[in-house]
């Protein structure tokens, strides 16, 4: 008997679990519900179905993990999403926010053949417009940087990416675009004020404050 095809909703859940696993530990149902914007009862119902179909496993402490089968689906949907973002920004000229929103609408409809042709058309990019590594056919690359929120005042760093979780915050994307917080940008950390919940930065001649919670979703590497 042919295995039933996973639904777009199921793909979204697997992608959410994958992204949460990259950003926070442990991944539990409450965090998945918050990420998906649904009720706890909806999450439990969907997780039970994903578990029975072999996409996820739930440990004794209620931590949720993707199986190899679930990870393959999650990486596949991320790959299609990121390639679509590249197409929309690089060839159609859409801005960061619109590209992310449109890619989310299109990613479920892209076939394997279209995915391959997109990758070839774009000369096989390795990252999305926001710097996230594009999963390959066999395995996904990993972030190498650390959260900007962990950088001490006085340090200079280079922006690696905004995490996939951060990409879903349209206001944060618009803010980053306005202040040229793009992959490769050199960032001077001028001040860190945990009591106020802000970090003060300089990019070029532009000085501005960013919330520490938002800074947790920006990955950076030391400058040379």
Protein backbone atom coordinates (compact mmCIF):
# COMPACT_ATOMS: atom_id res chain seq x y z
CA UNK A 1 0.00 0.00 0.00
CA UNK A 2 1.31 3.44 -0.94
CA UNK A 3 2.12 5.64 2.04
CA UNK A 4 -0.25 8.63 2.35
CA UNK A 5 1.30 11.94 1.29
CA UNK A 6 1.94 14.40 4.09
CA UNK A 7 -0.29 17.47 4.03
CA UNK A 8 0.95 21.08 3.75
CA UNK A 9 -0.07 21.54 7.39
CA UNK A 10 2.02 18.56 8.37
CA UNK A 11 4.98 19.99 6.45
CA UNK A 12 4.56 23.29 8.32
CA UNK A 13 4.65 21.48 11.66
CA UNK A 14 7.78 19.54 10.76
CA UNK A 15 9.46 22.73 9.56
CA UNK A 16 8.47 24.49 12.82
CA UNK A 17 9.91 21.65 14.94
CA UNK A 18 13.09 21.69 12.86
CA UNK A 19 13.52 25.47 13.22
CA UNK A 20 12.79 25.40 16.96
CA UNK A 21 15.34 22.63 17.38
CA UNK A 22 17.95 24.86 15.75
CA UNK A 23 17.10 27.86 17.95
CA UNK A 24 15.89 26.61 21.35
CA UNK A 25 16.06 23.51 23.51
CA UNK A 26 14.05 21.56 24.36
CA UNK A 27 11.26 21.53 21.77
CA UNK A 28 7.96 20.93 23.55
CA UNK A 29 4.31 21.12 22.48
CA UNK A 30 3.75 24.56 24.04
CA UNK A 31 6.56 26.04 21.94
CA UNK A 32 5.26 24.40 18.80
CA UNK A 33 1.79 25.82 19.52
CA UNK A 34 3.24 29.31 19.95
CA UNK A 35 5.30 28.96 16.76
CA UNK A 36 2.29 27.78 14.75
CA UNK A 37 -0.19 30.18 16.38
CA UNK A 38 -2.64 27.43 17.28
CA UNK A 39 -4.21 25.98 20.43
CA UNK A 40 -2.65 23.25 22.55
CA UNK A 41 -5.42 20.81 21.59
CA UNK A 42 -4.73 21.36 17.89
CA UNK A 43 -1.00 20.77 18.42
CA UNK A 44 -1.55 17.54 20.36
CA UNK A 45 -3.89 16.20 17.69
CA UNK A 46 -1.44 16.95 14.88
CA UNK A 47 1.56 15.64 16.83
CA UNK A 48 -0.23 12.35 17.47
CA UNK A 49 -0.83 11.97 13.74
CA UNK A 50 2.78 12.86 12.88
CA UNK A 51 3.98 10.39 15.51
CA UNK A 52 1.82 7.57 14.20
CA UNK A 53 3.03 8.28 10.66
CA UNK A 54 6.67 8.07 11.79
CA UNK A 55 7.67 11.72 11.35
CA UNK A 56 8.29 12.62 15.01
CA UNK A 57 9.00 10.93 18.30
CA UNK A 58 8.16 12.22 21.77
CA UNK A 59 10.58 11.45 24.60
CA UNK A 60 9.62 10.72 28.21
CA UNK A 61 10.07 14.38 29.19
CA UNK A 62 7.68 15.32 26.37
CA UNK A 63 10.54 16.61 24.22
CA UNK A 64 9.71 16.43 20.52
CA UNK A 65 12.29 15.21 18.01
CA UNK A 66 12.14 14.66 14.27
CA UNK A 67 12.82 11.18 13.00
CA UNK A 68 15.11 10.78 9.97
CA UNK A 69 11.96 10.67 7.86
CA UNK A 70 10.60 13.86 9.46
CA UNK A 71 13.91 15.69 9.11
CA UNK A 72 14.04 14.86 5.40
CA UNK A 73 10.60 16.42 4.89
CA UNK A 74 11.48 19.50 6.99
CA UNK A 75 14.73 20.09 5.12
CA UNK A 76 12.94 19.62 1.80
CA UNK A 77 10.30 22.26 2.56
CA UNK A 78 12.97 24.66 3.84
CA UNK A 79 15.01 24.13 0.69
CA UNK A 80 12.04 24.96 -1.53
CA UNK A 81 11.20 27.98 0.64
CA UNK A 82 14.74 29.38 0.53
CA UNK A 83 15.15 28.80 -3.22
CA UNK A 84 11.83 30.55 -3.82
CA UNK A 85 12.97 33.50 -1.69
CA UNK A 86 16.13 33.72 -3.79
CA UNK A 87 14.11 33.71 -7.00
CA UNK A 88 11.77 36.42 -5.72
CA UNK A 89 14.55 38.72 -4.47
CA UNK A 90 17.33 38.07 -6.98
CA UNK A 91 15.28 37.87 -10.18
CA UNK A 92 11.95 39.58 -9.43
CA UNK A 93 13.28 42.30 -7.12
CA UNK A 94 10.89 41.75 -4.18
CA UNK A 95 11.98 43.05 -0.79
CA UNK A 96 12.81 40.77 2.16
CA UNK A 97 9.38 40.89 3.77
CA UNK A 98 7.32 40.27 0.62
CA UNK A 99 9.70 37.53 -0.55
CA UNK A 100 9.33 35.61 2.69
CA UNK A 101 5.55 35.91 2.68
CA UNK A 102 5.20 34.89 -0.97
CA UNK A 103 7.66 31.99 -0.59
CA UNK A 104 5.54 30.59 2.22
CA UNK A 105 2.53 30.56 -0.10
CA UNK A 106 4.43 28.90 -2.96
CA UNK A 107 6.71 26.38 -1.23
CA UNK A 108 4.14 23.58 -0.93
CA UNK A 109 3.30 23.66 -4.64
CA UNK A 110 6.85 23.29 -5.98
CA UNK A 111 7.63 19.89 -7.50
CA UNK A 112 11.03 18.18 -7.44
CA UNK A 113 11.56 19.09 -11.10
CA UNK A 114 10.77 22.77 -10.54
CA UNK A 115 13.02 22.79 -7.47
CA UNK A 116 15.93 21.47 -9.53
CA UNK A 117 15.35 24.00 -12.29
CA UNK A 118 15.13 26.84 -9.77
CA UNK A 119 18.44 25.82 -8.21
CA UNK A 120 20.09 25.67 -11.64
CA UNK A 121 18.60 29.02 -12.72
CA UNK A 122 19.94 30.62 -9.54
CA UNK A 123 23.38 28.97 -9.95
CA UNK A 124 22.87 26.75 -6.90
CA UNK A 125 22.94 29.34 -4.08
CA UNK A 126 24.11 28.17 -0.66
CA UNK A 127 22.07 30.60 1.46
CA UNK A 128 18.70 32.31 1.42
CA UNK A 129 18.59 36.14 1.11
CA UNK A 130 18.70 36.37 4.91
CA UNK A 131 21.85 34.25 5.16
CA UNK A 132 20.35 30.92 6.26
CA UNK A 133 22.10 27.87 4.78
CA UNK A 134 19.99 26.11 2.15
CA UNK A 135 19.66 22.41 2.94
CA UNK A 136 21.14 20.15 0.29
CA UNK A 137 19.72 16.92 -1.05
CA UNK A 138 21.44 14.78 1.57
CA UNK A 139 21.95 16.99 4.59
CA UNK A 140 21.59 20.55 5.79
CA UNK A 141 24.35 22.98 6.63
CA UNK A 142 24.45 24.36 10.14
CA UNK A 143 24.72 27.87 11.49
CA UNK A 144 28.29 28.66 12.53
CA UNK A 145 27.65 31.95 14.27
CA UNK A 146 26.39 32.86 17.72
CA UNK A 147 23.40 35.05 18.70
CA UNK A 148 24.11 38.77 18.55
CA UNK A 149 22.61 39.04 22.04
CA UNK A 150 25.66 37.18 23.43
CA UNK A 151 28.22 39.69 22.13
CA UNK A 152 29.83 42.01 24.67
CA UNK A 153 29.97 45.79 24.30
CA UNK A 154 33.00 47.01 22.38
CA UNK A 155 33.17 44.05 20.02
CA UNK A 156 32.86 44.11 16.24
CA UNK A 157 31.17 41.23 14.45
CA UNK A 158 29.94 40.29 10.98
CA UNK A 159 26.29 39.40 10.45
CA UNK A 160 25.89 35.79 9.30
CA UNK A 161 22.10 35.48 9.09
CA UNK A 162 18.74 36.12 10.64
CA UNK A 163 17.33 32.79 11.75
CA UNK A 164 14.29 31.27 10.07
CA UNK A 165 12.34 32.08 13.24
CA UNK A 166 13.35 35.71 12.95
CA UNK A 167 12.34 35.76 9.28
CA UNK A 168 8.72 35.30 10.28
CA UNK A 169 8.75 38.64 12.13
CA UNK A 170 7.89 41.11 9.38
CA UNK A 171 8.65 44.13 11.58
CA UNK A 172 12.10 42.77 12.42
CA UNK A 173 12.86 42.12 8.74
CA UNK A 174 11.80 45.65 7.83
CA UNK A 175 13.89 47.10 10.67
CA UNK A 176 16.96 45.15 9.59
CA UNK A 177 16.53 46.21 5.98
CA UNK A 178 16.20 49.86 7.04
CA UNK A 179 19.41 49.73 9.08
CA UNK A 180 21.38 47.64 6.56
CA UNK A 181 21.57 44.67 8.90
CA UNK A 182 22.19 42.26 6.05
CA UNK A 183 24.50 39.23 5.71
CA UNK A 184 28.10 40.42 5.61
CA UNK A 185 27.42 43.72 7.42
CA UNK A 186 29.99 44.76 10.03
CA UNK A 187 28.31 45.53 13.34
CA UNK A 188 29.89 47.45 16.22
CA UNK A 189 28.27 46.61 19.57
CA UNK A 190 28.34 49.92 21.41
CA UNK A 191 26.40 49.03 24.55
CA UNK A 192 24.41 46.19 26.09
CA UNK A 193 21.71 47.07 28.64
CA UNK A 194 19.98 43.90 29.93
CA UNK A 195 17.91 45.90 32.44
CA UNK A 196 16.42 47.91 29.57
CA UNK A 197 16.27 44.96 27.22
CA UNK A 198 18.19 46.71 24.45
CA UNK A 199 21.53 46.53 22.68
CA UNK A 200 22.99 49.58 20.95
CA UNK A 201 24.65 49.01 17.59
CA UNK A 202 26.44 50.87 14.82
CA UNK A 203 26.49 49.86 11.17
CA UNK A 204 28.58 52.31 9.18
CA UNK A 205 27.54 55.73 10.52
CA UNK A 206 24.09 54.54 11.61
CA UNK A 207 23.64 54.11 15.37
CA UNK A 208 20.46 52.52 16.70
CA UNK A 209 19.00 50.36 19.46
CA UNK A 210 17.70 46.81 19.00
CA UNK A 211 15.74 44.70 21.46
CA UNK A 212 17.80 41.91 23.04
CA UNK A 213 15.05 39.38 22.27
CA UNK A 214 15.31 40.31 18.59
CA UNK A 215 19.12 40.15 18.81
CA UNK A 216 18.81 36.49 19.85
CA UNK A 217 17.52 35.76 16.35
CA UNK A 218 20.49 37.30 14.57
CA UNK A 219 23.61 35.15 14.15
CA UNK A 220 27.03 36.75 13.90
CA UNK A 221 30.67 35.78 13.59
CA UNK A 222 33.83 37.56 14.78
CA UNK A 223 35.21 40.09 12.29
CA UNK A 224 38.66 39.46 10.86
